[in-house]
């Protein structure tokens, strides 16, 4: 009878071990499934929302455009003064008129101002902000050069009178 007990004991141990293996497999499969679901959720979020520019960046871009508008208005005033200066008669030094034309050419080289993208990514908006800042710097520099040249022509004419 001892043999029967040994035989009965072995199948019970084998049977007891099998459910443990199944529950570990189920746990591993469950963890893998959860990781896959999380990865898909994160990827979907990045594709739909992650690439769009933040509201703060878009507002910053608009602020840069507002500042650029101030510089453009200053340029218009300076160009009006330069146009008046270029029509003056009796300029003592003719090279001043050449300087004025050169300064106006520098302004003309600037081209069109950059704009903010309507529905751009964060990268697009950041690039637009950088381009607007650079354009503003170039515009201020060109405006200053034109203003100095116009004032030099006007001073040359006034000194003669």
N, C-alpha and C. Protein backbone atom coordinates (compact mmCIF):
# COMPACT_ATOMS: atom_id res chain seq x y z
N UNK A 1 0.80 -1.18 0.00
CA UNK A 1 0.00 0.00 0.00
C UNK A 1 0.85 1.25 0.00
N UNK A 2 2.02 1.08 0.40
CA UNK A 2 2.91 2.22 0.37
C UNK A 2 3.15 2.68 -1.05
N UNK A 3 3.15 1.73 -1.96
CA UNK A 3 3.36 2.09 -3.35
C UNK A 3 2.20 2.93 -3.86
N UNK A 4 1.01 2.61 -3.46
CA UNK A 4 -0.15 3.37 -3.91
C UNK A 4 -0.08 4.80 -3.41
N UNK A 5 0.36 4.95 -2.20
CA UNK A 5 0.47 6.30 -1.66
C UNK A 5 1.51 7.12 -2.42
N UNK A 6 2.60 6.46 -2.81
CA UNK A 6 3.63 7.14 -3.57
C UNK A 6 3.09 7.55 -4.93
N UNK A 7 2.35 6.64 -5.54
CA UNK A 7 1.79 6.95 -6.85
C UNK A 7 0.73 8.04 -6.73
N UNK A 8 -0.06 7.97 -5.70
CA UNK A 8 -1.10 8.98 -5.51
C UNK A 8 -0.50 10.34 -5.17
N UNK A 9 0.63 10.32 -4.49
CA UNK A 9 1.27 11.57 -4.10
C UNK A 9 1.86 12.27 -5.31
N UNK A 10 2.45 11.52 -6.19
CA UNK A 10 3.08 12.14 -7.36
C UNK A 10 2.06 12.84 -8.26
N UNK A 11 0.97 12.21 -8.61
CA UNK A 11 0.02 12.93 -9.47
C UNK A 11 -0.55 14.16 -8.79
N UNK A 12 -0.72 14.11 -7.49
CA UNK A 12 -1.23 15.28 -6.79
C UNK A 12 -0.23 16.43 -6.88
N UNK A 13 1.07 16.14 -6.72
CA UNK A 13 2.09 17.17 -6.82
C UNK A 13 2.16 17.74 -8.23
N UNK A 14 2.06 16.89 -9.21
CA UNK A 14 2.10 17.34 -10.60
C UNK A 14 0.88 18.20 -10.88
N UNK A 15 -0.26 17.78 -10.42
CA UNK A 15 -1.49 18.54 -10.63
C UNK A 15 -1.42 19.87 -9.90
N UNK A 16 -0.85 19.90 -8.75
CA UNK A 16 -0.74 21.13 -7.98
C UNK A 16 0.23 22.11 -8.64
N UNK A 17 1.27 21.60 -9.32
CA UNK A 17 2.24 22.48 -9.96
C UNK A 17 1.71 23.08 -11.26
N UNK A 18 0.89 22.38 -11.98
CA UNK A 18 0.40 22.85 -13.26
C UNK A 18 -0.43 24.14 -13.14
N UNK A 19 -1.34 24.28 -12.19
CA UNK A 19 -2.07 25.55 -12.09
C UNK A 19 -1.15 26.72 -11.77
N UNK A 20 -0.08 26.47 -11.02
CA UNK A 20 0.85 27.56 -10.72
C UNK A 20 1.53 28.04 -11.99
N UNK A 21 1.91 27.15 -12.87
CA UNK A 21 2.53 27.53 -14.13
C UNK A 21 1.56 28.32 -14.99
N UNK A 22 0.32 27.89 -15.04
CA UNK A 22 -0.68 28.59 -15.84
C UNK A 22 -0.91 30.00 -15.29
N UNK A 23 -0.95 30.15 -14.00
CA UNK A 23 -1.20 31.47 -13.44
C UNK A 23 0.00 32.40 -13.68
N UNK A 24 1.22 31.89 -13.70
CA UNK A 24 2.39 32.71 -14.02
C UNK A 24 2.36 33.11 -15.48
N UNK A 25 1.98 32.20 -16.35
CA UNK A 25 1.87 32.53 -17.77
C UNK A 25 0.82 33.60 -17.99
N UNK A 26 -0.29 33.46 -17.32
CA UNK A 26 -1.37 34.45 -17.44
C UNK A 26 -0.93 35.81 -16.94
N UNK A 27 -0.18 35.83 -15.87
CA UNK A 27 0.33 37.09 -15.32
C UNK A 27 1.30 37.75 -16.29
N UNK A 28 2.20 36.97 -16.86
CA UNK A 28 3.17 37.50 -17.82
C UNK A 28 2.45 38.04 -19.05
N UNK A 29 1.49 37.28 -19.55
CA UNK A 29 0.73 37.73 -20.72
C UNK A 29 -0.05 39.01 -20.39
N UNK A 30 -0.61 39.08 -19.22
CA UNK A 30 -1.34 40.28 -18.80
C UNK A 30 -0.44 41.51 -18.71
N UNK A 31 0.75 41.33 -18.18
CA UNK A 31 1.71 42.44 -18.08
C UNK A 31 2.14 42.90 -19.47
N UNK A 32 2.42 41.95 -20.34
CA UNK A 32 2.82 42.31 -21.71
C UNK A 32 1.69 43.06 -22.41
N UNK A 33 0.47 42.59 -22.25
CA UNK A 33 -0.68 43.26 -22.86
C UNK A 33 -0.84 44.68 -22.32
N UNK A 34 -0.66 44.86 -21.03
CA UNK A 34 -0.77 46.19 -20.44
C UNK A 34 0.30 47.13 -20.97
N UNK A 35 1.52 46.64 -21.11
CA UNK A 35 2.62 47.45 -21.65
C UNK A 35 2.32 47.85 -23.09
N UNK A 36 1.80 46.93 -23.88
CA UNK A 36 1.46 47.22 -25.27
C UNK A 36 0.36 48.29 -25.34
N UNK A 37 -0.65 48.17 -24.50
CA UNK A 37 -1.73 49.16 -24.48
C UNK A 37 -1.19 50.54 -24.10
N UNK A 38 -0.34 50.60 -23.11
CA UNK A 38 0.25 51.88 -22.70
C UNK A 38 1.09 52.46 -23.83
N UNK A 39 1.88 51.64 -24.49
CA UNK A 39 2.73 52.12 -25.60
C UNK A 39 1.88 52.65 -26.74
N UNK A 40 0.81 51.97 -27.07
CA UNK A 40 -0.08 52.44 -28.14
C UNK A 40 -0.75 53.75 -27.74
N UNK A 41 -1.17 53.86 -26.50
CA UNK A 41 -1.80 55.09 -26.02
C UNK A 41 -0.83 56.27 -26.08
N UNK A 42 0.38 56.07 -25.64
CA UNK A 42 1.39 57.14 -25.69
C UNK A 42 1.69 57.54 -27.13
N UNK A 43 1.83 56.56 -28.00
CA UNK A 43 2.11 56.86 -29.41
C UNK A 43 0.96 57.63 -30.05
N UNK A 44 -0.26 57.23 -29.76
CA UNK A 44 -1.43 57.94 -30.30
C UNK A 44 -1.48 59.37 -29.78
N UNK A 45 -1.18 59.56 -28.52
CA UNK A 45 -1.16 60.92 -27.95
C UNK A 45 -0.11 61.78 -28.62
N UNK A 46 1.07 61.23 -28.83
CA UNK A 46 2.16 61.99 -29.45
C UNK A 46 1.81 62.36 -30.89
N UNK A 47 1.15 61.48 -31.59
CA UNK A 47 0.79 61.77 -32.98
C UNK A 47 -0.30 62.82 -33.08
N UNK A 48 -1.25 62.81 -32.17
CA UNK A 48 -2.36 63.75 -32.26
C UNK A 48 -2.09 65.07 -31.58
N UNK A 49 -1.46 65.07 -30.43
CA UNK A 49 -1.27 66.29 -29.66
C UNK A 49 0.19 66.71 -29.55
N UNK A 50 1.07 65.77 -29.44
CA UNK A 50 2.47 66.05 -29.15
C UNK A 50 3.16 66.93 -30.17
N UNK A 51 2.78 66.88 -31.43
CA UNK A 51 3.45 67.65 -32.46
C UNK A 51 2.94 69.06 -32.62
N UNK A 52 1.79 69.36 -32.07
CA UNK A 52 1.21 70.70 -32.24
C UNK A 52 1.90 71.70 -31.33
N UNK A 53 1.93 72.92 -31.79
CA UNK A 53 2.56 73.99 -31.02
C UNK A 53 1.71 74.34 -29.81
N UNK A 54 2.36 74.72 -28.74
CA UNK A 54 1.64 75.12 -27.54
C UNK A 54 1.01 76.49 -27.75
N UNK A 55 -0.02 76.77 -26.98
CA UNK A 55 -0.70 78.06 -27.07
C UNK A 55 0.26 79.19 -26.71
N UNK A 56 1.16 78.93 -25.77
CA UNK A 56 2.14 79.95 -25.37
C UNK A 56 3.07 80.30 -26.52
N UNK A 57 3.50 79.30 -27.26
CA UNK A 57 4.40 79.54 -28.39
C UNK A 57 3.70 80.32 -29.49
N UNK A 58 2.46 79.97 -29.76
CA UNK A 58 1.70 80.69 -30.78
C UNK A 58 1.51 82.14 -30.35
N UNK A 59 1.21 82.36 -29.08
CA UNK A 59 1.05 83.72 -28.57
C UNK A 59 2.37 84.49 -28.64
N UNK A 60 3.47 83.82 -28.33
CA UNK A 60 4.79 84.44 -28.43
C UNK A 60 5.07 84.85 -29.86
N UNK A 61 4.70 84.01 -30.81
CA UNK A 61 4.90 84.33 -32.22
C UNK A 61 4.10 85.58 -32.59
N UNK A 62 2.87 85.65 -32.13
CA UNK A 62 2.03 86.83 -32.41
C UNK A 62 2.62 88.08 -31.76
N UNK A 63 3.17 87.93 -30.58
CA UNK A 63 3.81 89.07 -29.90
C UNK A 63 5.01 89.56 -30.70
N UNK A 64 5.78 88.62 -31.24
CA UNK A 64 6.93 89.00 -32.07
C UNK A 64 6.47 89.75 -33.32
N UNK A 65 5.35 89.33 -33.89
CA UNK A 65 4.81 90.04 -35.07
C UNK A 65 4.36 91.45 -34.71
N UNK A 66 3.78 91.61 -33.52
CA UNK A 66 3.36 92.94 -33.07
C UNK A 66 4.58 93.85 -32.91
N UNK A 67 5.64 93.32 -32.33
CA UNK A 67 6.87 94.11 -32.19
C UNK A 67 7.46 94.43 -33.56
N UNK A 68 7.39 93.49 -34.48
CA UNK A 68 7.89 93.72 -35.83
C UNK A 68 7.11 94.84 -36.51
N UNK A 69 5.82 94.90 -36.27
CA UNK A 69 4.97 95.94 -36.87
C UNK A 69 5.45 97.33 -36.43
N UNK A 70 5.86 97.47 -35.20
CA UNK A 70 6.39 98.75 -34.71
C UNK A 70 7.62 99.15 -35.51
N UNK A 71 8.50 98.19 -35.76
CA UNK A 71 9.72 98.47 -36.54
C UNK A 71 9.38 98.80 -37.99
N UNK A 72 8.37 98.12 -38.53
CA UNK A 72 7.95 98.41 -39.90
C UNK A 72 7.37 99.82 -40.01
N UNK A 73 6.62 100.24 -39.00
CA UNK A 73 6.07 101.60 -38.99
C UNK A 73 7.19 102.63 -38.90
N UNK A 74 8.20 102.35 -38.09
CA UNK A 74 9.35 103.26 -38.00
C UNK A 74 10.07 103.34 -39.34
N UNK A 75 10.16 102.22 -40.04
CA UNK A 75 10.80 102.22 -41.36
C UNK A 75 10.02 103.09 -42.34
N UNK A 76 8.69 103.02 -42.31
CA UNK A 76 7.88 103.84 -43.21
C UNK A 76 8.17 105.32 -43.00
N UNK A 77 8.22 105.73 -41.75
CA UNK A 77 8.52 107.13 -41.43
C UNK A 77 9.91 107.50 -41.94
N UNK A 78 10.87 106.63 -41.72
CA UNK A 78 12.24 106.89 -42.16
C UNK A 78 12.32 106.93 -43.68
N UNK A 79 11.57 106.07 -44.36
CA UNK A 79 11.58 106.08 -45.82
C UNK A 79 10.97 107.37 -46.37
N UNK A 80 9.97 107.89 -45.69
CA UNK A 80 9.39 109.18 -46.12
C UNK A 80 10.43 110.29 -45.99
N UNK A 81 11.16 110.31 -44.90
CA UNK A 81 12.23 111.30 -44.71
C UNK A 81 13.32 111.12 -45.76
N UNK A 82 13.65 109.87 -46.05
CA UNK A 82 14.70 109.59 -47.05
C UNK A 82 14.25 110.03 -48.44
N UNK A 83 12.97 109.84 -48.75
CA UNK A 83 12.45 110.27 -50.05
C UNK A 83 12.53 111.79 -50.17
N UNK A 84 12.19 112.47 -49.10
CA UNK A 84 12.29 113.94 -49.09
C UNK A 84 13.75 114.36 -49.24
N UNK A 85 14.65 113.70 -48.53
CA UNK A 85 16.07 114.05 -48.59
C UNK A 85 16.64 113.81 -49.98
N UNK A 86 16.20 112.76 -50.65
CA UNK A 86 16.75 112.45 -51.98
C UNK A 86 16.32 113.48 -53.03
N UNK A 87 15.28 114.25 -52.76
CA UNK A 87 14.78 115.26 -53.70
C UNK A 87 15.37 116.64 -53.44
N UNK A 88 16.13 116.77 -52.38
CA UNK A 88 16.70 118.08 -52.04
C UNK A 88 17.74 118.50 -53.08
N UNK A 89 17.76 119.76 -53.36
CA UNK A 89 18.74 120.34 -54.28
C UNK A 89 19.86 120.98 -53.46
N UNK A 90 20.99 121.08 -54.06
CA UNK A 90 22.10 121.77 -53.42
C UNK A 90 22.78 120.96 -52.33
N UNK A 91 22.81 119.64 -52.49
CA UNK A 91 23.51 118.80 -51.51
C UNK A 91 25.00 119.04 -51.70
N UNK A 92 25.67 119.40 -50.62
CA UNK A 92 27.08 119.78 -50.69
C UNK A 92 27.97 118.62 -51.14
N UNK A 93 27.71 117.42 -50.63
CA UNK A 93 28.54 116.25 -50.94
C UNK A 93 27.68 115.22 -51.67
N UNK A 94 27.94 115.01 -52.96
CA UNK A 94 27.13 114.09 -53.77
C UNK A 94 27.25 112.65 -53.29
N UNK A 95 28.33 112.31 -52.62
CA UNK A 95 28.48 110.93 -52.12
C UNK A 95 27.43 110.62 -51.05
N UNK A 96 26.90 111.65 -50.41
CA UNK A 96 25.85 111.43 -49.41
C UNK A 96 24.59 110.88 -50.07
N UNK A 97 24.30 111.34 -51.29
CA UNK A 97 23.15 110.81 -52.02
C UNK A 97 23.38 109.34 -52.40
N UNK A 98 24.62 109.01 -52.74
CA UNK A 98 24.95 107.61 -53.03
C UNK A 98 24.78 106.74 -51.78
N UNK A 99 25.19 107.29 -50.64
CA UNK A 99 25.02 106.57 -49.38
C UNK A 99 23.53 106.35 -49.08
N UNK A 100 22.73 107.36 -49.40
CA UNK A 100 21.29 107.26 -49.18
C UNK A 100 20.69 106.16 -50.07
N UNK A 101 21.11 106.12 -51.32
CA UNK A 101 20.62 105.08 -52.24
C UNK A 101 21.07 103.69 -51.77
N UNK A 102 22.28 103.60 -51.30
CA UNK A 102 22.80 102.33 -50.81
C UNK A 102 22.02 101.86 -49.58
N UNK A 103 21.71 102.80 -48.70
CA UNK A 103 20.95 102.46 -47.49
C UNK A 103 19.54 101.99 -47.86
N UNK A 104 18.95 102.64 -48.87
CA UNK A 104 17.62 102.20 -49.31
C UNK A 104 17.70 100.81 -49.95
N UNK A 105 18.77 100.54 -50.66
CA UNK A 105 18.96 99.21 -51.26
C UNK A 105 19.06 98.14 -50.17
N UNK A 106 19.72 98.47 -49.06
CA UNK A 106 19.81 97.53 -47.94
C UNK A 106 18.42 97.21 -47.38
N UNK A 107 17.57 98.21 -47.32
CA UNK A 107 16.20 98.01 -46.85
C UNK A 107 15.45 97.11 -47.84
N UNK A 108 15.63 97.38 -49.12
CA UNK A 108 14.93 96.60 -50.15
C UNK A 108 15.35 95.14 -50.16
N UNK A 109 16.59 94.85 -49.77
CA UNK A 109 17.10 93.47 -49.74
C UNK A 109 16.41 92.61 -48.69
N UNK A 110 15.79 93.24 -47.73
CA UNK A 110 15.17 92.48 -46.64
C UNK A 110 14.05 91.56 -47.12
N UNK A 111 13.33 91.97 -48.12
CA UNK A 111 12.23 91.14 -48.62
C UNK A 111 11.04 91.16 -47.69
N UNK A 112 10.19 90.17 -47.86
CA UNK A 112 8.97 90.09 -47.07
C UNK A 112 9.26 89.58 -45.66
N UNK A 113 8.48 90.07 -44.73
CA UNK A 113 8.63 89.64 -43.34
C UNK A 113 8.08 88.23 -43.16
N UNK A 114 8.71 87.45 -42.29
CA UNK A 114 8.18 86.11 -42.00
C UNK A 114 6.86 86.21 -41.23
N UNK A 115 6.11 85.14 -41.24
CA UNK A 115 4.83 85.10 -40.53
C UNK A 115 4.78 83.87 -39.63
N UNK A 116 3.78 83.85 -38.77
CA UNK A 116 3.56 82.69 -37.91
C UNK A 116 2.77 81.64 -38.68
N UNK A 117 3.12 80.37 -38.53
CA UNK A 117 2.36 79.32 -39.23
C UNK A 117 0.96 79.19 -38.63
N UNK A 118 -0.01 78.95 -39.50
CA UNK A 118 -1.40 78.85 -39.04
C UNK A 118 -1.62 77.61 -38.17
N UNK A 119 -1.17 76.47 -38.62
CA UNK A 119 -1.36 75.23 -37.86
C UNK A 119 -0.07 74.44 -37.82
N UNK A 120 1.00 75.08 -37.44
CA UNK A 120 2.29 74.43 -37.48
C UNK A 120 2.61 73.62 -36.25
N UNK A 121 3.65 72.87 -36.37
CA UNK A 121 4.15 72.10 -35.23
C UNK A 121 4.93 73.04 -34.32
N UNK A 122 5.33 72.53 -33.18
CA UNK A 122 6.13 73.33 -32.25
C UNK A 122 7.43 73.77 -32.93
N UNK A 123 8.01 72.87 -33.68
CA UNK A 123 9.26 73.18 -34.39
C UNK A 123 9.04 74.31 -35.40
N UNK A 124 7.91 74.26 -36.12
CA UNK A 124 7.60 75.31 -37.11
C UNK A 124 7.42 76.67 -36.44
N UNK A 125 6.71 76.68 -35.32
CA UNK A 125 6.46 77.95 -34.61
C UNK A 125 7.77 78.50 -34.04
N UNK A 126 8.59 77.63 -33.47
CA UNK A 126 9.88 78.08 -32.94
C UNK A 126 10.76 78.66 -34.05
N UNK A 127 10.76 78.01 -35.20
CA UNK A 127 11.55 78.51 -36.34
C UNK A 127 11.01 79.85 -36.82
N UNK A 128 9.69 80.01 -36.82
CA UNK A 128 9.09 81.28 -37.22
C UNK A 128 9.46 82.39 -36.24
N UNK A 129 9.44 82.09 -34.96
CA UNK A 129 9.81 83.09 -33.94
C UNK A 129 11.25 83.53 -34.16
N UNK A 130 12.14 82.58 -34.37
CA UNK A 130 13.55 82.92 -34.62
C UNK A 130 13.70 83.76 -35.88
N UNK A 131 12.96 83.40 -36.94
CA UNK A 131 13.04 84.15 -38.19
C UNK A 131 12.51 85.57 -38.02
N UNK A 132 11.43 85.72 -37.26
CA UNK A 132 10.86 87.06 -37.03
C UNK A 132 11.84 87.91 -36.22
N UNK A 133 12.45 87.32 -35.21
CA UNK A 133 13.44 88.07 -34.41
C UNK A 133 14.62 88.51 -35.27
N UNK A 134 15.12 87.60 -36.10
CA UNK A 134 16.25 87.94 -36.97
C UNK A 134 15.85 89.03 -37.96
N UNK A 135 14.67 88.90 -38.54
CA UNK A 135 14.19 89.90 -39.49
C UNK A 135 14.05 91.26 -38.79
N UNK A 136 13.54 91.26 -37.57
CA UNK A 136 13.40 92.51 -36.80
C UNK A 136 14.75 93.16 -36.57
N UNK A 137 15.74 92.36 -36.21
CA UNK A 137 17.09 92.90 -36.01
C UNK A 137 17.64 93.50 -37.30
N UNK A 138 17.47 92.77 -38.40
CA UNK A 138 17.94 93.27 -39.70
C UNK A 138 17.19 94.53 -40.11
N UNK A 139 15.90 94.56 -39.83
CA UNK A 139 15.08 95.73 -40.17
C UNK A 139 15.51 96.95 -39.36
N UNK A 140 15.75 96.77 -38.08
CA UNK A 140 16.22 97.89 -37.24
C UNK A 140 17.55 98.41 -37.75
N UNK A 141 18.44 97.51 -38.09
CA UNK A 141 19.76 97.92 -38.58
C UNK A 141 19.63 98.69 -39.89
N UNK A 142 18.83 98.17 -40.82
CA UNK A 142 18.65 98.84 -42.11
C UNK A 142 17.95 100.18 -41.93
N UNK A 143 16.99 100.25 -41.03
CA UNK A 143 16.29 101.50 -40.76
C UNK A 143 17.24 102.54 -40.18
N UNK A 144 18.09 102.10 -39.27
CA UNK A 144 19.08 103.02 -38.68
C UNK A 144 20.03 103.56 -39.74
N UNK A 145 20.48 102.67 -40.63
CA UNK A 145 21.37 103.11 -41.71
C UNK A 145 20.70 104.11 -42.64
N UNK A 146 19.45 103.85 -42.98
CA UNK A 146 18.70 104.76 -43.85
C UNK A 146 18.46 106.09 -43.16
N UNK A 147 18.13 106.04 -41.88
CA UNK A 147 17.89 107.26 -41.12
C UNK A 147 19.15 108.12 -41.05
N UNK A 148 20.29 107.48 -40.78
CA UNK A 148 21.56 108.22 -40.70
C UNK A 148 21.91 108.84 -42.05
N UNK A 149 21.69 108.10 -43.13
CA UNK A 149 22.00 108.62 -44.47
C UNK A 149 21.09 109.79 -44.82
N UNK A 150 19.80 109.68 -44.50
CA UNK A 150 18.86 110.77 -44.79
C UNK A 150 19.21 112.01 -43.98
N UNK A 151 19.55 111.84 -42.72
CA UNK A 151 19.91 112.98 -41.88
C UNK A 151 21.20 113.64 -42.36
N UNK A 152 22.13 112.83 -42.86
CA UNK A 152 23.38 113.40 -43.38
C UNK A 152 23.11 114.25 -44.62
N UNK A 153 22.22 113.79 -45.50
CA UNK A 153 21.86 114.57 -46.69
C UNK A 153 21.18 115.87 -46.28
N UNK A 154 20.24 115.77 -45.37
CA UNK A 154 19.52 116.97 -44.91
C UNK A 154 20.47 117.94 -44.24
N UNK A 155 21.39 117.44 -43.41
CA UNK A 155 22.35 118.31 -42.73
C UNK A 155 23.28 118.97 -43.74
N UNK A 156 23.65 118.26 -44.78
CA UNK A 156 24.53 118.81 -45.81
C UNK A 156 23.84 119.96 -46.54
N UNK A 157 22.56 119.81 -46.79
CA UNK A 157 21.80 120.85 -47.47
C UNK A 157 21.58 122.04 -46.54
N UNK A 158 21.28 121.77 -45.29
CA UNK A 158 21.03 122.84 -44.33
C UNK A 158 22.30 123.63 -44.06
N UNK A 159 23.42 122.96 -44.04
CA UNK A 159 24.68 123.64 -43.75
C UNK A 159 25.04 124.61 -44.86
N UNK A 160 24.60 124.28 -46.08
CA UNK A 160 24.93 125.13 -47.21
C UNK A 160 24.14 126.43 -47.16
N UNK A 161 22.90 126.37 -46.66
CA UNK A 161 22.04 127.56 -46.64
C UNK A 161 22.52 128.52 -45.66
